[in-house]
N, C-alpha and C. Protein backbone atom coordinates (compact mmCIF):
# COMPACT_ATOMS: atom_id res chain seq x y z
N MET A 1 39.56 175.01 127.93
CA MET A 1 40.04 173.44 127.69
C MET A 1 40.85 172.61 127.13
N PRO A 2 40.32 172.89 125.29
CA PRO A 2 41.15 172.61 124.54
C PRO A 2 42.58 173.01 124.45
N LEU A 3 43.00 174.13 125.01
CA LEU A 3 43.98 174.85 125.00
C LEU A 3 44.88 174.56 126.04
N ILE A 4 44.48 174.11 127.17
CA ILE A 4 45.26 173.33 128.26
C ILE A 4 45.28 171.80 128.00
N ILE A 5 44.76 170.94 127.29
CA ILE A 5 44.95 169.90 126.66
C ILE A 5 46.40 169.77 125.68
N TRP A 6 45.99 170.76 125.19
CA TRP A 6 47.22 170.71 124.26
C TRP A 6 48.13 171.12 124.83
N ALA A 7 48.33 172.05 125.65
CA ALA A 7 49.60 172.39 126.31
C ALA A 7 50.12 171.22 126.81
N LEU A 8 49.20 170.59 127.72
CA LEU A 8 49.87 169.41 128.48
C LEU A 8 50.51 168.54 127.34
N VAL A 9 49.51 168.48 126.36
CA VAL A 9 50.25 166.72 125.48
C VAL A 9 51.38 167.57 125.10
N THR A 10 51.45 168.95 125.04
CA THR A 10 52.84 169.67 124.38
C THR A 10 53.83 169.31 125.19
N GLY A 11 53.86 170.05 126.05
CA GLY A 11 54.78 169.94 127.38
C GLY A 11 54.94 168.17 127.43
N PHE A 12 53.81 167.10 127.55
CA PHE A 12 54.55 165.87 127.61
C PHE A 12 55.25 165.22 126.51
N VAL A 13 55.14 165.75 125.24
CA VAL A 13 55.87 165.39 124.15
C VAL A 13 57.36 166.14 123.93
N THR A 14 57.28 167.19 124.31
CA THR A 14 58.85 168.11 124.66
C THR A 14 59.41 167.23 125.73
N GLY A 15 58.71 167.03 127.19
CA GLY A 15 59.48 166.22 128.20
C GLY A 15 60.08 164.87 127.63
N ALA A 16 58.95 164.42 126.94
CA ALA A 16 59.64 162.71 126.70
C ALA A 16 60.69 162.77 125.62
N VAL A 17 60.64 164.16 124.46
CA VAL A 17 61.76 164.11 123.48
C VAL A 17 62.96 164.25 124.35
N TRP A 18 62.88 165.61 125.19
CA TRP A 18 64.15 165.60 126.20
C TRP A 18 64.77 164.27 126.82
N VAL A 19 63.86 163.59 127.26
CA VAL A 19 64.51 162.52 128.10
C VAL A 19 65.41 161.58 127.25
N ALA A 20 64.23 161.31 125.97
CA ALA A 20 65.10 159.89 125.07
C ALA A 20 66.51 160.51 124.86
N ILE A 21 66.71 162.45 124.81
CA ILE A 21 68.03 162.67 123.91
C ILE A 21 68.70 162.39 125.41
N VAL A 22 68.34 162.89 126.55
CA VAL A 22 69.26 162.45 127.40
C VAL A 22 69.72 161.08 127.54
N LEU A 23 68.87 160.52 127.30
CA LEU A 23 69.39 158.90 127.53
C LEU A 23 70.27 158.52 126.72
N MET A 24 70.10 158.74 125.51
CA MET A 24 70.53 158.39 123.73
C MET A 24 71.95 158.83 124.16
N GLN A 25 72.32 160.03 124.87
CA GLN A 25 73.73 160.75 124.86
C GLN A 25 74.15 159.75 126.13
N SER A 26 73.94 159.59 127.22
CA SER A 26 74.02 159.12 128.64
C SER A 26 74.53 157.22 127.67
N GLN A 27 74.03 156.73 126.92
CA GLN A 27 74.28 155.57 126.31
C GLN A 27 74.99 155.70 125.52
N ARG A 28 75.38 156.43 124.82
CA ARG A 28 76.58 156.72 123.73
C ARG A 28 77.99 156.73 124.68
N ARG A 29 78.05 157.97 125.63
CA ARG A 29 78.95 157.90 126.69
C ARG A 29 79.56 156.52 127.01
N LEU A 30 78.20 156.19 127.77
CA LEU A 30 78.73 154.77 128.09
C LEU A 30 78.94 153.42 127.40
N ARG A 31 78.99 153.63 125.83
CA ARG A 31 79.27 152.67 125.24
C ARG A 31 81.34 153.26 124.93
N GLN A 32 81.21 154.44 124.60
CA GLN A 32 82.65 155.05 123.94
C GLN A 32 83.22 154.47 125.66
N TYR A 33 82.95 155.12 126.67
CA TYR A 33 83.68 154.00 128.08
C TYR A 33 83.91 152.88 127.82
N GLN A 34 83.39 152.11 127.69
CA GLN A 34 83.48 150.75 127.03
C GLN A 34 84.36 150.26 126.45
N VAL A 35 84.53 150.93 125.44
CA VAL A 35 85.78 150.33 124.14
C VAL A 35 86.79 151.22 124.81
N GLU A 36 86.98 152.26 125.50
CA GLU A 36 88.05 152.30 125.71
C GLU A 36 88.56 151.90 127.07
N MET A 37 88.03 151.34 127.95
CA MET A 37 88.50 150.49 128.87
C MET A 37 88.74 149.02 128.15
N GLY A 38 88.01 148.49 127.41
CA GLY A 38 88.24 147.29 126.76
C GLY A 38 90.01 147.54 125.87
N ASP A 39 89.81 148.99 125.57
CA ASP A 39 91.05 148.95 124.68
C ASP A 39 92.50 148.92 126.03
N HIS A 40 91.96 149.50 127.18
CA HIS A 40 92.72 149.63 127.77
C HIS A 40 93.58 148.82 128.66
N THR A 41 91.86 147.57 128.76
CA THR A 41 92.17 146.28 129.26
C THR A 41 93.09 145.73 128.35
N GLN A 42 92.79 145.79 126.90
CA GLN A 42 93.81 144.82 126.52
C GLN A 42 95.20 145.32 126.17
N ALA A 43 95.65 146.65 126.40
CA ALA A 43 96.98 146.99 126.43
C ALA A 43 97.23 146.58 127.75
N ARG A 44 96.77 146.41 129.29
CA ARG A 44 97.44 145.65 130.04
C ARG A 44 97.89 144.45 130.17
N LEU A 45 96.82 143.54 129.45
CA LEU A 45 96.90 142.33 129.29
C LEU A 45 98.29 142.35 128.23
N ASP A 46 98.28 142.74 127.54
CA ASP A 46 99.44 142.60 126.51
C ASP A 46 100.96 142.96 127.45
N HIS A 47 100.79 143.90 128.44
CA HIS A 47 102.32 144.51 129.08
C HIS A 47 102.44 143.44 129.94
N LEU A 48 101.16 142.32 130.62
CA LEU A 48 101.22 141.21 131.83
C LEU A 48 101.65 140.35 130.95
N ASP A 49 101.60 139.98 129.41
CA ASP A 49 102.36 138.94 128.79
C ASP A 49 103.48 139.32 128.47
N SER A 50 103.80 140.45 127.87
CA SER A 50 105.32 140.77 127.80
C SER A 50 105.99 140.29 129.49
N LEU A 51 105.55 141.12 130.78
CA LEU A 51 106.17 141.02 132.24
C LEU A 51 106.50 139.63 132.27
N GLU A 52 105.24 138.55 131.75
CA GLU A 52 105.63 137.12 132.11
C GLU A 52 106.37 136.80 131.26
N SER A 53 106.84 136.64 130.05
CA SER A 53 107.79 136.41 129.29
C SER A 53 109.13 136.83 129.77
N ARG A 54 109.43 138.20 130.36
CA ARG A 54 110.66 138.63 130.73
C ARG A 54 111.01 137.86 132.09
N LEU A 55 109.50 137.23 132.69
CA LEU A 55 110.29 136.99 134.24
C LEU A 55 110.46 135.14 134.32
N ALA A 56 109.68 134.57 132.75
CA ALA A 56 110.35 133.45 132.54
C ALA A 56 111.76 133.26 132.00
N ASP A 57 111.98 134.26 131.32
CA ASP A 57 113.54 134.05 130.30
C ASP A 57 114.59 134.65 132.01
N VAL A 58 114.19 135.54 133.04
CA VAL A 58 115.36 135.86 134.19
C VAL A 58 115.00 134.31 134.59
N GLU A 59 113.90 133.51 135.05
CA GLU A 59 113.85 132.47 135.85
C GLU A 59 114.61 131.62 135.07
N ASP A 60 114.97 131.46 133.58
CA ASP A 60 115.72 130.38 132.87
C ASP A 60 117.32 130.72 133.30
N ARG A 61 117.43 132.39 133.25
CA ARG A 61 118.89 132.57 133.36
C ARG A 61 119.42 132.19 134.49
N LEU A 62 118.84 132.61 135.61
CA LEU A 62 119.02 132.16 137.07
C LEU A 62 119.30 130.54 137.38
N ALA A 63 118.30 129.90 136.34
CA ALA A 63 118.33 128.49 136.95
C ALA A 63 119.91 127.93 136.06
N PHE A 64 120.16 128.85 135.18
CA PHE A 64 121.29 128.39 134.57
C PHE A 64 122.09 128.72 135.12
N THR A 65 122.64 129.66 136.10
CA THR A 65 123.62 130.45 136.37
C THR A 65 123.56 129.81 137.79
N GLU A 66 122.61 128.87 138.31
CA GLU A 66 122.84 128.08 139.82
C GLU A 66 123.53 126.98 139.42
N ARG A 67 123.08 126.28 138.04
CA ARG A 67 123.54 125.30 137.53
C ARG A 67 125.12 125.12 137.29
N MET A 68 125.49 126.36 136.75
CA MET A 68 126.72 126.79 136.95
C MET A 68 127.72 126.80 137.91
N LEU A 69 126.87 127.35 138.83
CA LEU A 69 127.79 127.57 140.20
C LEU A 69 127.97 126.12 140.94
N THR A 70 127.07 125.35 140.96
CA THR A 70 126.73 124.47 141.43
C THR A 70 128.17 123.74 140.83
N GLU A 71 128.11 123.23 139.21
CA GLU A 71 128.88 122.63 138.65
C GLU A 71 130.20 123.10 139.38
N ARG A 72 130.56 124.20 139.16
CA ARG A 72 131.78 125.14 139.49
C ARG A 72 132.30 124.44 141.18
N GLN A 73 131.77 124.41 142.06
CA GLN A 73 131.48 123.84 143.25
C GLN A 73 131.94 122.75 143.26
N ASP A 74 131.26 122.01 142.75
CA ASP A 74 131.81 120.42 142.69
C ASP A 74 132.61 119.67 141.78
N ALA A 75 133.05 120.57 141.15
CA ALA A 75 134.52 120.29 139.97
C ALA A 75 135.34 120.22 140.61
N PRO A 76 136.81 119.39 140.68
CA PRO A 76 137.91 119.28 141.24
C PRO A 76 138.36 120.35 141.67
N ALA A 77 138.99 120.48 142.40
CA ALA A 77 139.93 121.92 142.15
C ALA A 77 141.43 121.77 141.61
N LEU A 78 141.51 122.46 140.10
CA LEU A 78 142.65 121.92 139.62
C LEU A 78 143.57 122.71 140.19
N GLY A 79 144.83 122.25 140.49
CA GLY A 79 146.18 123.11 140.79
C GLY A 79 145.83 123.83 142.13
N ARG A 80 144.99 123.44 143.15
CA ARG A 80 145.26 124.04 144.44
C ARG A 80 145.78 122.99 145.35
N GLY A 81 146.54 123.60 146.02
CA GLY A 81 146.89 122.73 147.07
C GLY A 81 148.27 121.46 146.39
N THR A 82 148.86 121.80 145.49
CA THR A 82 150.02 120.81 145.08
C THR A 82 150.91 121.27 143.89
N ALA A 83 151.91 121.10 144.37
CA ALA A 83 152.93 121.66 142.95
C ALA A 83 152.98 121.18 142.02
N PRO A 84 153.03 122.07 140.60
CA PRO A 84 153.02 121.60 139.52
C PRO A 84 154.28 120.25 139.29
N PRO A 85 154.34 119.19 138.86
CA PRO A 85 155.10 117.96 138.81
C PRO A 85 156.32 118.95 138.18
N ALA A 86 157.92 118.55 138.99
CA ALA A 86 158.78 118.92 137.73
C ALA A 86 158.93 118.59 136.54
N PRO A 87 159.33 119.39 135.67
CA PRO A 87 159.92 119.01 134.28
C PRO A 87 161.35 117.86 134.33
C-alpha cells in the first residue's frame, strides 16, 4: 500500500511540474508575441503618421494650385483681342 501511495504522489508531483513548465512556456511565448505585436503596432502607427503628414502636404499643394488657377482665370487677359498701340 505505501508503494502505491508513493507512486501516486510521485505521479501527481511529476504531472504538476510538467503542467507548470508548459504553462510557463506558454506565458513566455505570449509575452514575446505581445511585445512583437506592440512593436509592429507602433511601426504601423508611425507609418500612418507619416502618411497623414504627406497627405496634408499634398492637400496644401492642391489648395495652392487651385488658388493659382482661379487667379489666372480671373485676371484680365493681357494682350488678347486687341492690337498693340502704334509707336
